[in-house]
Structures are given as structure tokens and as C-alpha cells.
Amino acid sequence: MWLQRFGAASGVILGLSIGVPGAVEAFTGETAATGAVLGLGVAFAAPTVTALYLHQRERAGRFGAVAYAVNLLGLGLFTGVAFALNLVLFYLDDPVVTDLRAGPTGLALLGCALVFVAGTILFSISMLRAGVFPRLPAAVYGVALTLLAVLAPLDDTPLTSAVHVLAAAAIIWLSLSTSGGYPQAENPVRPARAVA
């Protein structure tokens, strides 16, 4: 399915756009170039999570569908946050950024982060419950992406760089593991027989 392949490729691009700048920033701190890669790379988040959901949908059930929906909404919101942090606020003076974060903009950023974290955790749990993906990257997805949201407003440190690299590795691993096609549920639901 084309959408599945596109989503898997998007996951690799997303992972690289998170991990490579994260690794570079361990030595350089945030730069315009690393911020641009991060800010633009998040555009591949929605196709990635869609491919992950499609790969597990047979086993994920209703909880998986709800988790996907919340994660997709959170990713949409956090994509805007990542774009703003890396390609807008980066170029503003520190006092201006402080003033923005103290007002309604700060509340909006917090709200977006909360939806993102809720969706990330739910989707990670759905991947673990479905048992389709390797457990390690499914768990790291939930932990590392949550930490990315928590650490996003802070200055870059070796810890934030390590979290970026972990998140990238989990996303790439999960995306590459979708190439085996769609797994079938162990106990597929059979349609009820018509009663005469």
C-alpha cells in the first residue's frame, strides 16, 4: 500500500530530522541550521504515525484507534509548536520570547504540549498492547517523545541531545518494522452467520 510505504519513509526522514540535529547540538548548541531541520522535519510526523497505526490496526482495537486519533491531534499541535520554537522564536530576542511565554502564547504552548504528551503515551501503550511492534522502540517512543515535549522550552544540553537521538532511533526502528506488511490478528473476528 502506497500510504504505508510513504509513512514508513516519512518516519525515517522524521527520525533523521530529530536525531541528526540533536546529535550535532550536543557539540554546537542550537543553531539556525539545526533548528530549521527540526522545525521542518516535523511535517513528516502525521504520515509516520498513520503508517504505524495502519500496521497495527488489526490488533490495536478500539483503544488503538482512539490512541491514534489523540496522537494525531497532538502531533498536529506539536508540529506547530516545534516550527514556532525552531523557526520563529529562535530569531527573537530573549526578553521578547520571555514576554510571549508569560502571556496567552505560553498557555497555548502548554496546552499543545499536554495534548501531545497524552497522545504519545496512549499510542505507545497501544503499540505495547497490540504486540505488533518490537517492545523496546514502542516503549522508548512513549518515554522519549514525552521528554522532548517537557524539555522543548529549555536550553539545549547533552541530555536533550540524548533524548533527541533516542526518539529518532525509536521512530526509525518502528517505521522500518512496518515493511513486513500488515500483520493479521491471531483470533480474527468472524462475521456472524445469518440465522434463517
Protein backbone atom coordinates (compact mmCIF):
# COMPACT_ATOMS: atom_id res chain seq x y z
CA MET A 1 0.00 0.00 0.00
CA TRP A 2 1.43 3.35 -1.06
CA LEU A 3 0.34 5.17 2.10
CA GLN A 4 2.13 2.60 4.24
CA ARG A 5 5.38 2.97 2.29
CA PHE A 6 5.10 6.77 2.32
CA GLY A 7 4.52 6.74 6.06
CA ALA A 8 7.47 4.43 6.69
CA ALA A 9 9.74 6.63 4.57
CA SER A 10 8.37 9.67 6.40
CA GLY A 11 9.30 8.01 9.68
CA VAL A 12 12.90 7.60 8.58
CA ILE A 13 13.01 11.25 7.46
CA LEU A 14 11.35 12.37 10.71
CA GLY A 15 13.78 10.33 12.78
CA LEU A 16 16.78 11.73 10.95
CA SER A 17 15.44 15.28 11.26
CA ILE A 18 15.20 14.80 15.03
CA GLY A 19 18.31 12.73 15.67
CA VAL A 20 20.95 14.35 13.48
CA PRO A 21 20.34 17.92 14.72
CA GLY A 22 20.05 16.58 18.26
CA ALA A 23 23.45 14.92 17.99
CA VAL A 24 25.02 18.00 16.41
CA GLU A 25 23.55 20.29 19.08
CA ALA A 26 25.36 18.29 21.77
CA PHE A 27 28.52 19.98 20.48
CA THR A 28 27.28 23.25 18.98
CA GLY A 29 24.11 24.15 20.86
CA GLU A 30 21.09 25.16 18.83
CA THR A 31 21.91 26.79 15.53
CA ALA A 32 19.78 28.22 12.75
CA ALA A 33 20.57 25.17 10.60
CA THR A 34 19.71 22.55 13.24
CA GLY A 35 16.56 24.47 14.17
CA ALA A 36 15.47 24.59 10.53
CA VAL A 37 15.91 20.84 10.11
CA LEU A 38 13.95 20.14 13.30
CA GLY A 39 11.27 22.72 12.57
CA LEU A 40 10.63 21.47 9.04
CA GLY A 41 11.18 17.76 9.68
CA VAL A 42 8.19 17.52 12.00
CA ALA A 43 5.97 17.84 8.94
CA PHE A 44 6.58 14.10 8.47
CA ALA A 45 5.07 13.20 11.86
CA ALA A 46 1.45 12.71 10.74
CA PRO A 47 2.22 10.29 7.89
CA THR A 48 4.58 8.41 10.20
CA VAL A 49 2.04 7.82 12.96
CA THR A 50 -0.57 6.92 10.34
CA ALA A 51 1.70 4.22 8.93
CA LEU A 52 2.37 2.91 12.44
CA TYR A 53 -1.34 2.77 13.19
CA LEU A 54 -2.18 1.07 9.88
CA HIS A 55 0.44 -1.57 10.62
CA GLN A 56 -1.14 -2.49 13.95
CA ARG A 57 -4.80 -1.65 13.39
CA GLU A 58 -5.95 -5.28 13.18
CA ARG A 59 -4.71 -5.95 16.69
CA ALA A 60 -4.99 -2.49 18.24
CA GLY A 61 -8.77 -2.48 18.56
CA ARG A 62 -10.82 0.49 19.68
CA PHE A 63 -8.22 1.64 22.21
CA GLY A 64 -5.62 1.74 19.43
CA ALA A 65 -7.92 3.79 17.21
CA VAL A 66 -8.60 6.32 19.98
CA ALA A 67 -4.90 6.45 20.87
CA TYR A 68 -4.04 7.08 17.22
CA ALA A 69 -6.62 9.88 16.99
CA VAL A 70 -5.32 11.63 20.13
CA ASN A 71 -1.72 11.14 19.00
CA LEU A 72 -2.50 12.54 15.56
CA LEU A 73 -4.14 15.63 17.07
CA GLY A 74 -1.24 16.08 19.49
CA LEU A 75 1.29 15.72 16.70
CA GLY A 76 -0.55 18.32 14.65
CA LEU A 77 -0.43 20.77 17.53
CA PHE A 78 3.15 19.99 18.48
CA THR A 79 4.26 20.28 14.86
CA GLY A 80 3.18 23.92 15.04
CA VAL A 81 4.97 24.32 18.37
CA ALA A 82 8.20 22.81 17.03
CA PHE A 83 8.01 25.01 13.94
CA ALA A 84 7.46 28.12 16.08
CA LEU A 85 10.20 27.28 18.57
CA ASN A 86 12.80 26.47 15.93
CA LEU A 87 11.96 28.85 13.11
CA VAL A 88 10.27 31.82 14.80
CA LEU A 89 11.14 32.20 18.48
CA PHE A 90 14.76 31.26 17.82
CA TYR A 91 15.23 34.55 15.96
CA LEU A 92 13.61 36.77 18.59
CA ASP A 93 15.40 38.45 21.46
CA ASP A 94 15.23 36.65 24.80
CA PRO A 95 13.10 39.35 26.51
CA VAL A 96 10.53 39.15 23.71
CA VAL A 97 10.39 35.35 23.99
CA THR A 98 10.02 35.62 27.77
CA ASP A 99 7.13 38.08 27.37
CA LEU A 100 5.44 35.85 24.80
CA ARG A 101 5.70 32.78 27.01
CA ALA A 102 4.34 34.70 30.00
CA GLY A 103 1.10 35.54 28.19
CA PRO A 104 -1.52 33.61 26.22
CA THR A 105 1.14 32.21 23.88
CA GLY A 106 2.70 30.34 26.80
CA LEU A 107 -0.66 28.87 27.76
CA ALA A 108 -1.30 27.79 24.18
CA LEU A 109 2.13 26.14 24.00
CA LEU A 110 1.45 24.33 27.26
CA GLY A 111 -1.95 23.13 26.06
CA CYS A 112 -0.45 21.83 22.82
CA ALA A 113 2.29 20.03 24.75
CA LEU A 114 -0.25 18.40 27.08
CA VAL A 115 -2.32 17.02 24.18
CA PHE A 116 0.88 15.82 22.51
CA VAL A 117 2.06 14.05 25.67
CA ALA A 118 -1.34 12.41 26.23
CA GLY A 119 -1.46 11.18 22.64
CA THR A 120 2.12 9.97 22.72
CA ILE A 121 1.63 7.97 25.90
CA LEU A 122 -1.67 6.48 24.72
CA PHE A 123 -0.22 5.49 21.35
CA SER A 124 2.86 3.96 22.97
CA ILE A 125 0.59 1.91 25.24
CA SER A 126 -1.49 0.84 22.23
CA MET A 127 1.65 -0.37 20.44
CA LEU A 128 2.73 -2.32 23.52
CA ARG A 129 -0.76 -3.83 23.95
CA ALA A 130 -1.11 -4.81 20.29
CA GLY A 131 2.25 -6.57 20.35
CA VAL A 132 2.92 -5.96 16.67
CA PHE A 133 6.00 -3.77 17.05
CA PRO A 134 9.20 -4.59 18.93
CA ARG A 135 8.61 -3.68 22.58
CA LEU A 136 11.75 -1.61 23.11
CA PRO A 137 11.13 1.07 20.46
CA ALA A 138 7.40 1.09 21.28
CA ALA A 139 8.23 1.92 24.91
CA VAL A 140 11.00 4.38 24.02
CA TYR A 141 8.56 6.16 21.69
CA GLY A 142 6.35 7.00 24.66
CA VAL A 143 9.15 7.99 27.02
CA ALA A 144 11.46 9.86 24.63
CA LEU A 145 8.76 11.84 22.82
CA THR A 146 7.21 12.82 26.14
CA LEU A 147 10.61 14.03 27.31
CA LEU A 148 11.02 16.00 24.07
CA ALA A 149 7.86 17.93 24.88
CA VAL A 150 8.91 18.51 28.50
CA LEU A 151 12.43 19.62 27.55
CA ALA A 152 11.46 21.69 24.47
CA PRO A 153 11.30 25.07 26.24
CA LEU A 154 14.65 24.53 27.99
CA ASP A 155 18.13 25.30 26.72
CA ASP A 156 19.90 22.54 24.83
CA THR A 157 22.07 20.24 26.93
CA PRO A 158 23.69 16.85 26.39
CA LEU A 159 20.55 15.37 28.00
CA THR A 160 18.24 16.98 25.43
CA SER A 161 20.55 15.81 22.66
CA ALA A 162 20.47 12.24 24.00
CA VAL A 163 16.66 12.36 24.16
CA HIS A 164 16.53 13.55 20.54
CA VAL A 165 18.75 10.66 19.46
CA LEU A 166 16.70 8.11 21.43
CA ALA A 167 13.43 9.41 19.99
CA ALA A 168 14.91 9.31 16.50
CA ALA A 169 16.13 5.74 16.93
CA ALA A 170 12.71 4.59 18.17
CA ILE A 171 10.85 6.31 15.31
CA ILE A 172 13.19 4.92 12.65
CA TRP A 173 13.09 1.40 14.15
CA LEU A 174 9.29 1.43 14.32
CA SER A 175 9.00 2.82 10.80
CA LEU A 176 11.35 0.21 9.33
CA SER A 177 9.48 -2.57 11.12
CA THR A 178 6.32 -1.76 9.13
CA SER A 179 7.88 -3.14 5.96
CA GLY A 180 6.68 -6.67 6.74
CA GLY A 181 3.14 -5.84 5.62
CA TYR A 182 0.04 -5.85 7.74
CA PRO A 183 0.02 -8.44 10.50
CA GLN A 184 -3.14 -10.45 10.90
CA ALA A 185 -4.84 -10.75 14.26
CA GLU A 186 -4.28 -14.10 15.97
CA ASN A 187 -8.02 -14.54 16.51
CA PRO A 188 -9.69 -12.62 13.72
CA VAL A 189 -13.31 -11.70 14.27
CA ARG A 190 -15.52 -13.76 12.00
CA PRO A 191 -18.76 -12.32 10.68
CA ALA A 192 -21.85 -13.71 12.38
CA ARG A 193 -23.78 -16.31 10.43
CA ALA A 194 -27.17 -15.34 9.16
CA VAL A 195 -29.97 -17.05 11.02
CA ALA A 196 -32.67 -18.47 8.77
